[in-house]
Protein backbone atom coordinates (compact mmCIF):
# COMPACT_ATOMS: atom_id res chain seq x y z
CA MET A 1 -179.03 -47.26 61.22
CA VAL A 2 -181.43 -44.57 62.46
CA LEU A 3 -180.15 -41.02 62.13
CA PRO A 4 -181.60 -38.07 64.03
CA THR A 5 -184.36 -35.88 62.64
CA PRO A 6 -182.92 -32.35 62.95
CA GLN A 7 -184.91 -29.46 64.33
CA MET A 8 -186.13 -27.23 61.51
CA GLY A 9 -187.13 -24.26 63.66
CA ILE A 10 -183.72 -22.62 64.01
CA GLU A 11 -183.55 -18.87 63.40
CA PRO A 12 -183.45 -17.86 59.69
CA GLU A 13 -180.02 -16.31 60.31
CA PHE A 14 -178.64 -19.83 60.65
CA TRP A 15 -180.34 -21.40 57.65
CA VAL A 16 -178.07 -21.95 54.67
CA ARG A 17 -178.94 -21.50 50.98
CA VAL A 18 -176.99 -24.12 49.05
CA LEU A 19 -176.77 -23.89 45.26
CA LEU A 20 -177.47 -27.42 43.99
CA LEU A 21 -178.17 -26.69 40.30
CA ASP A 22 -177.05 -23.72 38.24
CA ASP A 23 -178.77 -22.75 34.95
CA ALA A 24 -180.67 -26.05 34.79
CA LYS A 25 -183.12 -26.76 31.98
CA GLN A 26 -184.95 -29.50 33.85
CA CYS A 27 -184.72 -31.74 36.90
CA THR A 28 -186.71 -34.35 38.77
CA ILE A 29 -187.92 -33.90 42.33
CA GLY A 30 -189.44 -36.30 44.82
CA SER A 31 -190.35 -36.48 48.48
CA GLN A 32 -190.95 -39.02 51.22
CA SER A 33 -194.07 -37.08 52.18
CA PRO A 34 -196.65 -34.72 50.66
CA PHE A 35 -195.32 -31.26 49.93
CA GLU A 36 -196.69 -27.85 49.15
CA VAL A 37 -195.37 -25.29 46.71
CA VAL A 38 -195.14 -21.75 48.00
CA ASP A 39 -194.77 -18.60 45.93
CA ALA A 40 -191.40 -17.32 47.14
CA GLN A 41 -192.27 -13.74 46.30
CA THR A 42 -195.71 -13.50 47.95
CA GLN A 43 -195.31 -16.39 50.45
CA THR A 44 -198.73 -17.73 49.42
CA ARG A 45 -199.41 -21.45 48.95
CA LYS A 46 -199.70 -22.32 45.28
CA ALA A 47 -200.29 -26.06 45.14
CA LEU A 48 -200.24 -29.24 47.23
CA PHE A 49 -198.71 -32.41 45.87
CA ASP A 50 -198.92 -35.92 47.23
CA ARG A 51 -196.80 -38.97 46.51
CA THR A 52 -198.92 -39.94 43.50
CA ASP A 53 -197.48 -36.88 41.73
CA LEU A 54 -193.91 -38.04 42.29
CA PRO A 55 -191.30 -38.16 40.97
CA ALA A 56 -192.17 -34.85 39.29
CA ARG A 57 -190.40 -33.19 36.40
CA VAL A 58 -189.51 -29.51 36.79
CA GLU A 59 -188.97 -27.14 33.86
CA ALA A 60 -188.85 -23.40 33.25
CA SER A 61 -190.62 -21.77 30.32
CA ALA A 62 -191.59 -18.18 29.56
CA GLY A 63 -190.34 -17.11 32.95
CA LYS A 64 -192.53 -19.53 34.90
CA ILE A 65 -191.97 -22.85 36.64
CA THR A 66 -193.76 -26.05 35.67
CA ILE A 67 -193.96 -28.94 38.15
CA ALA A 68 -195.51 -32.27 37.13
CA GLY A 69 -197.28 -30.55 34.25
CA ARG A 70 -198.70 -27.74 36.39
CA THR A 71 -197.49 -24.28 35.42
CA LEU A 72 -197.19 -21.89 38.33
CA GLU A 73 -197.63 -18.15 38.03
CA SER A 74 -194.46 -17.42 39.94
CA SER A 75 -190.85 -17.25 38.75
CA GLN A 76 -189.76 -18.39 42.21
CA ALA A 77 -191.20 -21.29 44.13
CA ILE A 78 -190.32 -23.14 47.32
CA ILE A 79 -190.91 -26.88 47.67
CA CYS A 80 -191.84 -27.51 51.32
CA PRO A 81 -192.02 -31.22 52.22
CA ASP A 82 -193.84 -32.34 55.37
CA GLU A 83 -192.00 -34.31 58.05
CA PRO A 84 -189.36 -35.70 57.94
CA HIS A 85 -188.62 -32.65 55.72
CA ILE A 86 -186.68 -34.58 53.08
CA PHE A 87 -186.86 -34.10 49.31
CA SER A 88 -184.94 -35.62 46.43
CA LEU A 89 -183.40 -33.83 43.48
CA ASN A 90 -182.33 -35.96 40.52
CA GLY A 91 -182.33 -38.96 42.85
CA ASP A 92 -180.23 -37.46 45.66
CA GLN A 93 -181.88 -36.73 48.98
CA TYR A 94 -181.55 -33.52 50.99
CA ARG A 95 -183.05 -32.10 54.16
CA GLY A 96 -185.02 -28.86 54.36
CA LYS A 97 -186.70 -27.09 51.45
CA LEU A 98 -185.97 -26.57 47.76
CA LYS A 99 -186.20 -23.14 46.14
CA LEU A 100 -186.53 -22.89 42.36
CA ILE A 101 -185.59 -19.56 40.76
CA VAL A 102 -186.10 -18.82 37.07
CA ASN A 103 -183.10 -17.05 35.54
CA PRO A 104 -183.27 -13.88 33.40
CA ASP A 105 -183.21 -15.98 30.21
CA SER A 106 -186.70 -17.24 31.26
CA SER A 107 -185.88 -20.81 30.18
CA SER A 108 -183.46 -22.05 32.86
CA PHE A 109 -183.50 -22.07 36.63
CA ASP A 110 -181.35 -22.44 39.73
CA ALA A 111 -182.18 -24.97 42.44
CA VAL A 112 -181.26 -23.90 45.97
CA ASN A 113 -181.53 -26.05 49.09
CA LEU A 114 -182.78 -24.10 52.13
CA VAL A 115 -181.52 -26.02 55.15
CA PRO A 116 -180.61 -25.32 58.81
CA LEU A 117 -176.90 -25.09 59.45
CA GLU A 118 -176.43 -28.27 61.51
CA PRO A 119 -178.08 -30.71 59.04
CA TYR A 120 -176.24 -28.89 56.26
CA LEU A 121 -172.98 -29.73 58.03
CA ALA A 122 -174.00 -33.39 58.29
CA GLY A 123 -174.11 -33.37 54.49
CA VAL A 124 -170.69 -31.70 54.27
CA VAL A 125 -168.48 -33.46 56.80
CA GLY A 126 -169.03 -36.96 55.40
CA ALA A 127 -168.44 -35.65 51.87
CA GLU A 128 -165.25 -33.81 52.80
CA MET A 129 -163.69 -36.41 55.11
CA PRO A 130 -164.06 -40.22 55.44
CA ASP A 131 -166.49 -40.92 58.28
CA TYR A 132 -164.30 -43.76 59.55
CA TRP A 133 -161.51 -41.32 60.41
CA GLU A 134 -160.79 -40.45 64.03
CA PRO A 135 -163.67 -38.72 65.89
CA GLU A 136 -161.47 -35.75 66.84
CA ALA A 137 -160.53 -35.18 63.19
CA LEU A 138 -164.23 -35.25 62.27
CA LYS A 139 -164.97 -32.71 65.01
CA ALA A 140 -162.20 -30.41 63.77
CA GLN A 141 -163.58 -30.73 60.23
CA THR A 142 -167.07 -29.87 61.46
CA ILE A 143 -165.98 -26.73 63.30
CA ALA A 144 -163.90 -25.57 60.33
CA ALA A 145 -166.77 -26.23 57.91
CA ARG A 146 -169.30 -24.44 60.13
CA THR A 147 -167.01 -21.42 60.44
CA TYR A 148 -166.27 -21.30 56.72
CA CYS A 149 -169.96 -21.53 55.82
CA LEU A 150 -171.01 -18.69 58.11
CA TYR A 151 -168.16 -16.49 56.91
CA VAL A 152 -169.02 -16.99 53.23
CA LYS A 153 -172.74 -16.57 53.91
CA ARG A 154 -172.12 -13.27 55.68
CA ARG A 155 -169.67 -11.92 53.10
CA PHE A 156 -171.26 -13.03 49.83
CA GLY A 157 -174.82 -14.16 50.56
CA LYS A 158 -176.36 -10.70 50.57
CA LYS A 159 -175.29 -10.16 46.95
CA ARG A 160 -176.91 -13.30 45.49
CA HIS A 161 -179.78 -15.74 46.05
CA TRP A 162 -177.53 -18.44 47.51
CA ASP A 163 -174.85 -18.57 50.20
CA VAL A 164 -172.58 -21.48 49.24
CA SER A 165 -172.34 -23.89 46.34
CA ALA A 166 -172.50 -27.65 46.83
CA THR A 167 -169.14 -28.18 45.11
CA GLN A 168 -165.50 -27.78 46.03
CA THR A 169 -165.79 -24.16 44.89
CA ASN A 170 -166.91 -23.71 48.48
CA GLN A 171 -167.19 -27.05 50.27
CA VAL A 172 -168.65 -30.32 49.03
CA TYR A 173 -172.24 -31.03 50.15
CA THR A 174 -174.05 -34.21 49.14
CA GLY A 175 -177.01 -34.29 51.51
CA LEU A 176 -178.21 -37.48 53.17
CA LYS A 177 -175.75 -39.79 51.44
CA ALA A 178 -172.91 -38.14 53.36
CA GLU A 179 -174.61 -38.67 56.71
CA SER A 180 -173.68 -41.40 59.18
CA ALA A 181 -173.79 -41.95 62.92
CA GLN A 182 -170.15 -40.86 63.21
CA VAL A 183 -170.79 -37.67 61.27
CA TRP A 184 -173.84 -36.79 63.34
CA ASP A 185 -171.84 -37.40 66.52
CA ALA A 186 -169.27 -34.84 65.29
CA VAL A 187 -171.99 -32.33 64.37
CA ASN A 188 -173.96 -32.71 67.60
CA SER A 189 -170.93 -32.67 69.90
CA THR A 190 -169.71 -29.38 68.38
CA HIS A 191 -173.17 -27.81 68.01
CA GLY A 192 -172.82 -24.11 67.18
CA GLN A 193 -169.04 -24.01 67.65
CA VAL A 194 -167.02 -21.74 65.36
CA LEU A 195 -163.51 -20.34 65.18
CA ILE A 196 -162.80 -16.67 65.82
CA CYS A 197 -159.58 -14.71 65.56
CA ARG A 198 -158.32 -11.15 65.78
CA GLN A 199 -159.38 -9.07 62.80
CA PRO A 200 -157.36 -6.24 61.18
CA ALA A 201 -159.50 -3.72 63.09
CA GLY A 202 -158.54 -5.35 66.40
CA THR A 203 -161.89 -7.01 67.12
CA GLU A 204 -162.49 -10.77 67.23
CA ASP A 205 -164.75 -12.43 64.67
CA ILE A 206 -165.07 -15.55 62.53
CA LEU A 207 -162.58 -16.17 59.75
CA PRO A 208 -162.73 -17.97 56.41
CA ALA A 209 -161.60 -21.31 57.83
CA TYR A 210 -160.13 -22.70 54.62
CA TYR A 211 -158.97 -26.29 54.50
CA SER A 212 -157.49 -28.61 51.90
CA SER A 213 -156.86 -32.31 51.53
CA ILE A 214 -153.06 -32.65 51.72
CA CYS A 215 -150.82 -29.65 52.33
CA GLY A 216 -147.67 -31.53 51.32
CA GLY A 217 -145.70 -30.76 54.46
CA HIS A 218 -146.42 -27.08 55.15
CA THR A 219 -149.58 -24.99 54.92
CA GLU A 220 -149.58 -21.62 53.14
CA ASN A 221 -150.30 -18.05 54.16
CA SER A 222 -153.80 -17.14 52.92
CA GLN A 223 -152.66 -13.73 51.68
CA ARG A 224 -150.34 -15.37 49.14
CA VAL A 225 -153.08 -17.64 47.80
CA PHE A 226 -156.39 -15.79 48.17
CA GLY A 227 -155.27 -12.24 48.89
CA ASP A 228 -157.00 -11.94 52.29
CA SER A 229 -155.08 -11.33 55.48
CA PHE A 230 -156.02 -13.05 58.73
CA GLU A 231 -153.78 -13.57 61.72
CA SER A 232 -154.83 -17.22 62.03
CA LEU A 233 -154.33 -18.09 58.36
CA ARG A 234 -150.56 -18.07 58.22
CA GLY A 235 -148.62 -21.12 57.12
CA VAL A 236 -147.49 -23.76 59.61
CA ASP A 237 -145.33 -26.85 59.45
CA CYS A 238 -147.26 -30.12 58.94
CA PRO A 239 -145.31 -33.36 59.46
CA TYR A 240 -148.57 -35.28 59.86
CA CYS A 241 -150.19 -35.62 56.42
CA LYS A 242 -147.34 -37.64 54.91
CA GLU A 243 -147.99 -40.35 57.52
CA VAL A 244 -151.67 -40.62 56.52
CA ALA A 245 -151.88 -39.90 52.78
CA LYS A 246 -151.33 -42.64 50.23
CA LEU A 247 -147.98 -42.22 48.51
CA ASP A 248 -149.51 -41.64 45.06
CA LEU A 249 -151.68 -38.86 46.52
CA PHE A 250 -148.97 -37.15 48.52
CA PHE A 251 -146.67 -37.21 45.45
CA TRP A 252 -148.69 -36.83 42.28
CA PRO A 253 -147.58 -37.84 38.76
CA MET A 254 -146.67 -35.45 35.95
CA ALA A 255 -149.63 -33.57 34.50
CA GLN A 256 -149.56 -32.29 30.89
CA PHE A 257 -151.82 -29.83 29.07
CA ASP A 258 -151.69 -28.63 25.45
CA GLN A 259 -150.19 -25.19 25.12
CA SER A 260 -153.09 -23.95 22.96
CA ASP A 261 -155.67 -25.26 25.47
CA VAL A 262 -153.91 -23.50 28.34
CA THR A 263 -153.95 -20.22 26.41
CA ALA A 264 -157.63 -20.61 25.51
CA ARG A 265 -158.70 -21.33 29.08
CA LEU A 266 -156.71 -18.43 30.48
CA MET A 267 -158.05 -15.99 27.88
CA GLN A 268 -161.61 -17.11 28.51
CA ARG A 269 -161.38 -16.48 32.24
CA PHE A 270 -159.09 -13.44 32.33
CA ALA A 271 -159.89 -10.81 29.69
CA GLU A 272 -156.84 -8.77 30.74
CA LEU A 273 -154.58 -11.50 29.32
CA LYS A 274 -155.77 -11.13 25.71
CA PRO A 275 -153.06 -8.59 24.76
CA LEU A 276 -150.49 -11.31 25.46
CA GLY A 277 -151.55 -13.48 22.53
CA GLU A 278 -150.36 -17.10 22.82
CA ILE A 279 -148.88 -17.95 26.23
CA VAL A 280 -145.30 -18.96 25.42
CA GLY A 281 -143.74 -18.74 28.87
CA ILE A 282 -144.77 -19.48 32.46
CA LYS A 283 -142.15 -18.49 35.01
CA PRO A 284 -142.18 -18.54 38.82
CA ALA A 285 -142.63 -15.02 40.18
CA GLU A 286 -143.06 -15.73 43.89
CA GLN A 287 -142.86 -18.92 45.91
CA SER A 288 -142.71 -20.08 49.51
CA ASP A 289 -139.51 -22.04 50.07
CA TYR A 290 -139.75 -24.80 52.66
CA GLY A 291 -136.30 -26.26 52.21
CA THR A 292 -136.93 -29.54 50.42
CA PHE A 293 -139.83 -28.14 48.39
CA ALA A 294 -141.45 -24.85 47.40
CA ARG A 295 -145.02 -23.76 46.70
CA LEU A 296 -145.59 -21.40 43.77
CA THR A 297 -147.77 -18.48 44.80
CA SER A 298 -147.40 -16.21 41.75
CA VAL A 299 -146.35 -16.79 38.14
CA GLN A 300 -145.36 -14.54 35.25
CA LEU A 301 -147.17 -15.31 32.01
CA ILE A 302 -145.23 -14.31 28.89
CA GLY A 303 -147.10 -13.86 25.63
CA SER A 304 -146.17 -14.18 21.98
CA THR A 305 -146.69 -10.40 21.64
CA GLY A 306 -143.82 -9.82 24.07
CA LYS A 307 -146.13 -8.63 26.80
CA SER A 308 -146.38 -10.30 30.20
CA HIS A 309 -148.75 -10.47 33.14
CA PHE A 310 -148.59 -11.77 36.71
CA LEU A 311 -151.17 -14.22 38.02
CA ARG A 312 -151.71 -16.01 41.30
CA ALA A 313 -150.48 -19.57 40.95
CA GLU A 314 -153.70 -20.98 42.41
CA ASN A 315 -155.72 -19.12 39.76
CA LEU A 316 -153.48 -20.63 37.09
CA ARG A 317 -153.95 -24.13 38.51
CA LEU A 318 -157.74 -24.01 38.74
CA THR A 319 -158.10 -22.35 35.34
CA ILE A 320 -156.06 -25.05 33.62
CA ASP A 321 -157.64 -27.89 35.65
CA PRO A 322 -160.85 -26.65 37.36
CA GLY A 323 -161.46 -29.94 39.16
CA GLY A 324 -157.89 -30.16 40.41
CA GLN A 325 -157.77 -33.87 39.68
CA GLU A 326 -154.54 -33.79 37.65
CA LEU A 327 -152.88 -30.53 38.60
CA LYS A 328 -153.35 -31.16 42.31
CA SER A 329 -151.36 -28.28 43.82
CA THR A 330 -148.91 -25.50 43.06
CA ILE A 331 -146.05 -27.40 44.68
CA CYS A 332 -144.51 -28.36 41.35
CA LEU A 333 -142.13 -27.40 38.55
CA ILE A 334 -143.45 -26.02 35.24
CA VAL A 335 -141.66 -26.82 31.97
CA LYS A 336 -142.43 -26.88 28.24
CA TRP A 337 -142.57 -30.41 26.88
CA ASP A 338 -143.24 -31.16 23.20
CA GLY A 339 -145.91 -28.51 22.66
CA LYS A 340 -147.38 -28.98 26.09
CA TRP A 341 -147.04 -27.50 29.54
CA ALA A 342 -145.80 -30.15 31.95
CA PHE A 343 -146.14 -29.91 35.73
CA LEU A 344 -143.51 -32.04 37.46
CA ALA A 345 -142.40 -33.10 40.95
CA GLY A 346 -145.84 -32.38 42.39
CA ARG A 347 -146.82 -32.97 46.00
CA GLY A 348 -149.91 -32.25 48.07
CA TRP A 349 -153.53 -31.80 47.03
CA GLY A 350 -155.36 -28.49 47.20
CA HIS A 351 -154.57 -24.86 47.90
CA GLY A 352 -152.76 -25.61 51.16
CA VAL A 353 -154.36 -22.85 53.25
CA GLY A 354 -155.72 -23.53 56.75
CA MET A 355 -156.37 -27.04 58.02
CA CYS A 356 -154.74 -29.96 56.25
CA GLN A 357 -157.38 -32.69 56.39
CA HIS A 358 -154.94 -35.59 56.22
CA GLY A 359 -152.79 -33.77 58.75
CA ALA A 360 -155.77 -33.41 61.07
CA GLU A 361 -156.28 -37.17 60.90
CA GLY A 362 -152.59 -37.69 61.60
CA MET A 363 -152.77 -35.48 64.68
CA ALA A 364 -155.91 -37.26 65.89
CA ARG A 365 -154.18 -40.62 65.55
CA GLN A 366 -151.48 -39.26 67.86
CA GLY A 367 -154.12 -38.48 70.48
CA LYS A 368 -154.65 -34.76 69.79
CA ASN A 369 -158.19 -33.45 70.30
CA ALA A 370 -160.13 -31.20 67.94
CA GLY A 371 -159.13 -28.05 69.83
CA ALA A 372 -155.43 -28.83 69.51
CA ILE A 373 -155.80 -29.68 65.84
CA LEU A 374 -157.57 -26.41 65.10
CA GLN A 375 -155.11 -24.39 67.17
CA HIS A 376 -152.24 -25.86 65.15
CA TYR A 377 -153.69 -25.12 61.73
CA TYR A 378 -155.36 -21.81 62.67
CA PRO A 379 -152.77 -20.40 65.11
CA GLY A 380 -154.12 -17.82 67.54
CA SER A 381 -157.76 -18.74 66.88
CA LYS A 382 -160.29 -19.60 69.60
CA ILE A 383 -163.41 -21.75 69.63
CA SER A 384 -166.54 -19.69 70.29
CA ARG A 385 -170.27 -20.19 69.77
CA ALA A 386 -172.35 -18.83 66.93
CA TYR A 387 -175.48 -19.70 68.93
CA ARG A 388 -176.46 -21.60 72.04
CA ASP A 389 -177.46 -25.25 72.25
CA GLU A 390 -181.19 -25.78 71.99
């Protein structure tokens, strides 16, 4: 299978900085072609490597970067491979360039992939959704992912040296291994398309187009989960995901966590909880009732000192189980069980805001196109263009 070689000359505004490694001590890089190393601070060429130097080990020491035994003078360097503009990091291949940034501790570094938006999306869509799903579901996923990326880049990118992470903290990105002909068809056929909606000020602009795997039957209002308010991020009914999701994913088994571990994780993340002491009670504070089930949106934490504190239910979930592999959603009951916190009667997977991925596939199987899918999950939104086709 021959996949397209993306254009690399797109405007810098539409390049994405993807955090691949955080506080790394070392890594291994490679390339299909010779590459040069550029000082990211002065933009001068520092060294030229050919394939005989690869794979090359990268380390940080005394505030400087060492590549294949050569110590550079800079604390920031950009690996720039020649055509086809592909490099590898710890064995995984990515398009674009690789920026290495030494951290303030002088002995660790971050690795950031600099990549145009469209090839970035090709590495997201196939990681976030099976590429054998319906083409219209893949297109809807692509437009949502493109919109989400640009929103996060605009809101948070100016404050840090990366725009989005490569993990589910933002959206999963795995580079070339996520690419396929079906994924590239979805990316190319929606080139530059984003979602816009009415903003609080009355203007129209892009929104954080959140999405999750399985909403469980009804999506959730973003304000109750993330605290932001967008007209197109209100909850909607979803009868579609139950028809697509495997039964043991739609309904997940009981998850249990030691009471002391739950307290420790909460205290580590939220300093304001320390006056509570041991967490001895977790009670529903707010929930969205959908008749046959309800999604917790806020909980009251009760401490051994008698003090209490309110916390968003999604923050509780991802603090207790950061990967969300056991505690899959906040559609559940919480009880004490033999020195542990037990989460029962769970359904759905993810935060439940925006597009339900399994629901999108269900709609596509019923003949709905990407526009209809997106209109359902982001009501009142419109498809616009971030930039024109080349």
